[in-house]
Amino acid sequence: MAILGLDLGEKRIGVAVNLTENFVQAKEIIEYNNFDEVIDNLKQIIINYQIEKIVVGLPKSFSGEENQQSKKIRKMANLIAVKLNKKIIFVNEILSTKIAAQNLGKKNQKNKLDSESAKIILETYLENKNQYNE
């Protein structure tokens, strides 16, 4: 069962897919210009990789509190879930961008940071999936 990992941002969406149980690959970045285009891109990814569910990074504080950005992400993810008829699982994405930046190094960050963050979010879910009520 393939799972789609998303790092939802205001300008870009990072995408990652688990190709096997223990292997996650950062895929692409979807520019957020138009919601319908985003949905069309995600539909194509779902078809290509036979995606069963979607994991979305949710920004929380170190104490686990949600903030305004969390609420925006949750709202966008729920719209995506309805449009794609897929279950969404939220994963705390704390430090995912910082870890992604460290993984990529300075020269590759600009074009790959969001998808690398999505990869980390999906890896976090896979490593801890027994903690999520599905």
C-alpha atoms as a PDB file:
ATOM      1  CA  MET A   1       0.000   0.000   0.000  1.00  0.00           C
ATOM      2  CA  ALA A   2       1.577   3.281  -1.112  1.00  0.00           C
ATOM      3  CA  ILE A   3       1.257   6.376   1.035  1.00  0.00           C
ATOM      4  CA  LEU A   4       1.564   9.976  -0.088  1.00  0.00           C
ATOM      5  CA  GLY A   5       3.401  12.446   2.139  1.00  0.00           C
ATOM      6  CA  LEU A   6       2.658  16.151   1.802  1.00  0.00           C
ATOM      7  CA  ASP A   7       4.294  19.255   3.202  1.00  0.00           C
ATOM      8  CA  LEU A   8       1.587  21.862   2.612  1.00  0.00           C
ATOM      9  CA  GLY A   9       2.810  25.412   2.292  1.00  0.00           C
ATOM     10  CA  GLU A  10       1.235  28.627   1.147  1.00  0.00           C
ATOM     11  CA  LYS A  11       3.261  28.764  -2.091  1.00  0.00           C
ATOM     12  CA  ARG A  12       4.407  25.174  -2.654  1.00  0.00           C
ATOM     13  CA  ILE A  13       3.502  21.635  -1.692  1.00  0.00           C
ATOM     14  CA  GLY A  14       6.282  19.127  -1.146  1.00  0.00           C
ATOM     15  CA  VAL A  15       5.489  15.575  -2.239  1.00  0.00           C
ATOM     16  CA  ALA A  16       6.958  12.233  -1.175  1.00  0.00           C
ATOM     17  CA  VAL A  17       5.849   8.640  -1.723  1.00  0.00           C
ATOM     18  CA  ASN A  18       6.762   5.403   0.014  1.00  0.00           C
ATOM     19  CA  LEU A  19       7.681   3.022  -2.778  1.00  0.00           C
ATOM     20  CA  THR A  20       8.156   0.078  -0.408  1.00  0.00           C
ATOM     21  CA  GLU A  21       7.448  -0.320   3.304  1.00  0.00           C
ATOM     22  CA  ASN A  22      10.809   1.129   4.311  1.00  0.00           C
ATOM     23  CA  PHE A  23      11.755   3.323   1.361  1.00  0.00           C
ATOM     24  CA  VAL A  24      10.442   6.860   0.961  1.00  0.00           C
ATOM     25  CA  GLN A  25      11.343   9.025  -2.000  1.00  0.00           C
ATOM     26  CA  ALA A  26      11.011  12.782  -2.255  1.00  0.00           C
ATOM     27  CA  LYS A  27       9.208  13.369  -5.537  1.00  0.00           C
ATOM     28  CA  GLU A  28       8.254  16.820  -6.677  1.00  0.00           C
ATOM     29  CA  ILE A  29       7.095  20.220  -5.661  1.00  0.00           C
ATOM     30  CA  ILE A  30       3.671  21.410  -6.711  1.00  0.00           C
ATOM     31  CA  GLU A  31       3.429  25.158  -7.103  1.00  0.00           C
ATOM     32  CA  TYR A  32       0.312  26.432  -5.375  1.00  0.00           C
ATOM     33  CA  ASN A  33      -1.199  28.693  -8.022  1.00  0.00           C
ATOM     34  CA  ASN A  34      -4.680  27.281  -8.305  1.00  0.00           C
ATOM     35  CA  PHE A  35      -6.441  24.764  -6.024  1.00  0.00           C
ATOM     36  CA  ASP A  36      -7.963  22.840  -8.951  1.00  0.00           C
ATOM     37  CA  GLU A  37      -4.504  22.425 -10.523  1.00  0.00           C
ATOM     38  CA  VAL A  38      -3.157  21.159  -7.208  1.00  0.00           C
ATOM     39  CA  ILE A  39      -5.980  18.607  -7.024  1.00  0.00           C
ATOM     40  CA  ASP A  40      -5.338  17.517 -10.631  1.00  0.00           C
ATOM     41  CA  ASN A  41      -1.625  17.040  -9.888  1.00  0.00           C
ATOM     42  CA  LEU A  42      -2.383  15.076  -6.724  1.00  0.00           C
ATOM     43  CA  LYS A  43      -4.940  12.908  -8.566  1.00  0.00           C
ATOM     44  CA  GLN A  44      -2.286  11.990 -11.116  1.00  0.00           C
ATOM     45  CA  ILE A  45       0.196  11.077  -8.376  1.00  0.00           C
ATOM     46  CA  ILE A  46      -2.476   8.969  -6.646  1.00  0.00           C
ATOM     47  CA  ILE A  47      -3.147   7.080  -9.880  1.00  0.00           C
ATOM     48  CA  ASN A  48       0.535   6.652 -10.782  1.00  0.00           C
ATOM     49  CA  TYR A  49       1.547   5.272  -7.381  1.00  0.00           C
ATOM     50  CA  GLN A  50      -1.755   3.647  -6.338  1.00  0.00           C
ATOM     51  CA  ILE A  51      -1.926   5.764  -3.189  1.00  0.00           C
ATOM     52  CA  GLU A  52      -4.148   4.467  -0.392  1.00  0.00           C
ATOM     53  CA  LYS A  53      -3.810   7.285   2.158  1.00  0.00           C
ATOM     54  CA  ILE A  54      -2.192  10.665   2.647  1.00  0.00           C
ATOM     55  CA  VAL A  55       0.072  11.858   5.458  1.00  0.00           C
ATOM     56  CA  VAL A  56       0.228  15.622   5.991  1.00  0.00           C
ATOM     57  CA  GLY A  57       2.696  17.483   8.161  1.00  0.00           C
ATOM     58  CA  LEU A  58       1.009  19.619  10.806  1.00  0.00           C
ATOM     59  CA  PRO A  59       3.128  22.316  12.462  1.00  0.00           C
ATOM     60  CA  LYS A  60       2.939  22.187  16.237  1.00  0.00           C
ATOM     61  CA  SER A  61       5.000  23.679  19.014  1.00  0.00           C
ATOM     62  CA  PHE A  62       7.423  21.637  21.115  1.00  0.00           C
ATOM     63  CA  SER A  63       4.627  21.308  23.683  1.00  0.00           C
ATOM     64  CA  GLY A  64       2.281  19.896  21.023  1.00  0.00           C
ATOM     65  CA  GLU A  65       0.099  22.983  20.720  1.00  0.00           C
ATOM     66  CA  GLU A  66      -1.424  23.938  17.383  1.00  0.00           C
ATOM     67  CA  ASN A  67      -1.185  27.488  16.053  1.00  0.00           C
ATOM     68  CA  GLN A  68      -2.741  29.596  13.275  1.00  0.00           C
ATOM     69  CA  GLN A  69      -0.594  27.871  10.641  1.00  0.00           C
ATOM     70  CA  SER A  70      -1.754  24.479  11.947  1.00  0.00           C
ATOM     71  CA  LYS A  71      -5.362  25.533  11.487  1.00  0.00           C
ATOM     72  CA  LYS A  72      -4.687  26.657   7.890  1.00  0.00           C
ATOM     73  CA  ILE A  73      -2.918  23.386   7.086  1.00  0.00           C
ATOM     74  CA  ARG A  74      -5.693  21.322   8.677  1.00  0.00           C
ATOM     75  CA  LYS A  75      -8.341  23.206   6.659  1.00  0.00           C
ATOM     76  CA  MET A  76      -6.431  22.796   3.367  1.00  0.00           C
ATOM     77  CA  ALA A  77      -5.747  19.106   4.056  1.00  0.00           C
ATOM     78  CA  ASN A  78      -9.395  18.440   4.807  1.00  0.00           C
ATOM     79  CA  LEU A  79     -10.398  20.070   1.499  1.00  0.00           C
ATOM     80  CA  ILE A  80      -7.863  17.880  -0.289  1.00  0.00           C
ATOM     81  CA  ALA A  81      -9.223  14.790   1.489  1.00  0.00           C
ATOM     82  CA  VAL A  82     -12.755  15.545   0.322  1.00  0.00           C
ATOM     83  CA  LYS A  83     -11.696  16.276  -3.274  1.00  0.00           C
ATOM     84  CA  LEU A  84      -9.526  13.151  -3.505  1.00  0.00           C
ATOM     85  CA  ASN A  85     -11.716  10.883  -1.366  1.00  0.00           C
ATOM     86  CA  LYS A  86      -8.685   9.828   0.675  1.00  0.00           C
ATOM     87  CA  LYS A  87      -8.038   9.580   4.376  1.00  0.00           C
ATOM     88  CA  ILE A  88      -5.662  12.171   5.836  1.00  0.00           C
ATOM     89  CA  ILE A  89      -3.351  11.387   8.720  1.00  0.00           C
ATOM     90  CA  PHE A  90      -1.720  14.365  10.425  1.00  0.00           C
ATOM     91  CA  VAL A  91       1.868  14.058  11.641  1.00  0.00           C
ATOM     92  CA  ASN A  92       3.647  16.624  13.778  1.00  0.00           C
ATOM     93  CA  GLU A  93       6.197  18.119  11.401  1.00  0.00           C
ATOM     94  CA  ILE A  94       8.288  19.799  14.061  1.00  0.00           C
ATOM     95  CA  LEU A  95      11.846  20.357  12.806  1.00  0.00           C
ATOM     96  CA  SER A  96      11.157  18.648   9.451  1.00  0.00           C
ATOM     97  CA  THR A  97      12.278  21.696   7.454  1.00  0.00           C
ATOM     98  CA  LYS A  98      15.422  22.104   9.532  1.00  0.00           C
ATOM     99  CA  ILE A  99      16.293  18.411   9.148  1.00  0.00           C
ATOM    100  CA  ALA A 100      15.526  18.587   5.418  1.00  0.00           C
ATOM    101  CA  ALA A 101      17.860  21.563   5.030  1.00  0.00           C
ATOM    102  CA  GLN A 102      20.628  19.669   6.838  1.00  0.00           C
ATOM    103  CA  ASN A 103      20.066  16.593   4.660  1.00  0.00           C
ATOM    104  CA  LEU A 104      20.232  18.562   1.429  1.00  0.00           C
ATOM    105  CA  GLY A 105      23.139  20.850   2.153  1.00  0.00           C
ATOM    106  CA  LYS A 106      23.244  24.489   1.112  1.00  0.00           C
ATOM    107  CA  LYS A 107      23.379  24.264  -2.659  1.00  0.00           C
ATOM    108  CA  ASN A 108      20.362  21.982  -3.234  1.00  0.00           C
ATOM    109  CA  GLN A 109      17.916  23.569  -0.826  1.00  0.00           C
ATOM    110  CA  LYS A 110      15.867  25.930  -2.926  1.00  0.00           C
ATOM    111  CA  ASN A 111      14.231  23.484  -5.333  1.00  0.00           C
ATOM    112  CA  LYS A 112      14.099  20.409  -3.115  1.00  0.00           C
ATOM    113  CA  LEU A 113      13.444  21.595   0.431  1.00  0.00           C
ATOM    114  CA  ASP A 114       9.656  21.124   0.409  1.00  0.00           C
ATOM    115  CA  SER A 115       9.769  17.619  -1.067  1.00  0.00           C
ATOM    116  CA  GLU A 116      12.572  16.615   1.325  1.00  0.00           C
ATOM    117  CA  SER A 117      10.392  17.889   4.195  1.00  0.00           C
ATOM    118  CA  ALA A 118       7.504  15.770   2.864  1.00  0.00           C
ATOM    119  CA  LYS A 119       9.865  12.781   2.835  1.00  0.00           C
ATOM    120  CA  ILE A 120      10.774  13.366   6.488  1.00  0.00           C
ATOM    121  CA  ILE A 121       7.100  13.737   7.428  1.00  0.00           C
ATOM    122  CA  LEU A 122       6.257  10.444   5.722  1.00  0.00           C
ATOM    123  CA  GLU A 123       9.264   8.680   7.278  1.00  0.00           C
ATOM    124  CA  THR A 124       8.166   9.949  10.696  1.00  0.00           C
ATOM    125  CA  TYR A 125       4.728   8.461  10.137  1.00  0.00           C
ATOM    126  CA  LEU A 126       6.115   5.109   8.972  1.00  0.00           C
ATOM    127  CA  GLU A 127       8.475   4.882  11.947  1.00  0.00           C
ATOM    128  CA  ASN A 128       5.648   5.617  14.399  1.00  0.00           C
ATOM    129  CA  LYS A 129       2.509   4.413  12.602  1.00  0.00           C
ATOM    130  CA  ASN A 130       1.386   2.272  15.524  1.00  0.00           C
ATOM    131  CA  GLN A 131       0.841   5.540  17.459  1.00  0.00           C
ATOM    132  CA  TYR A 132      -1.813   6.806  15.063  1.00  0.00           C
ATOM    133  CA  ASN A 133      -5.464   5.882  15.412  1.00  0.00           C
ATOM    134  CA  GLU A 134      -6.498   4.867  11.940  1.00  0.00           C
END
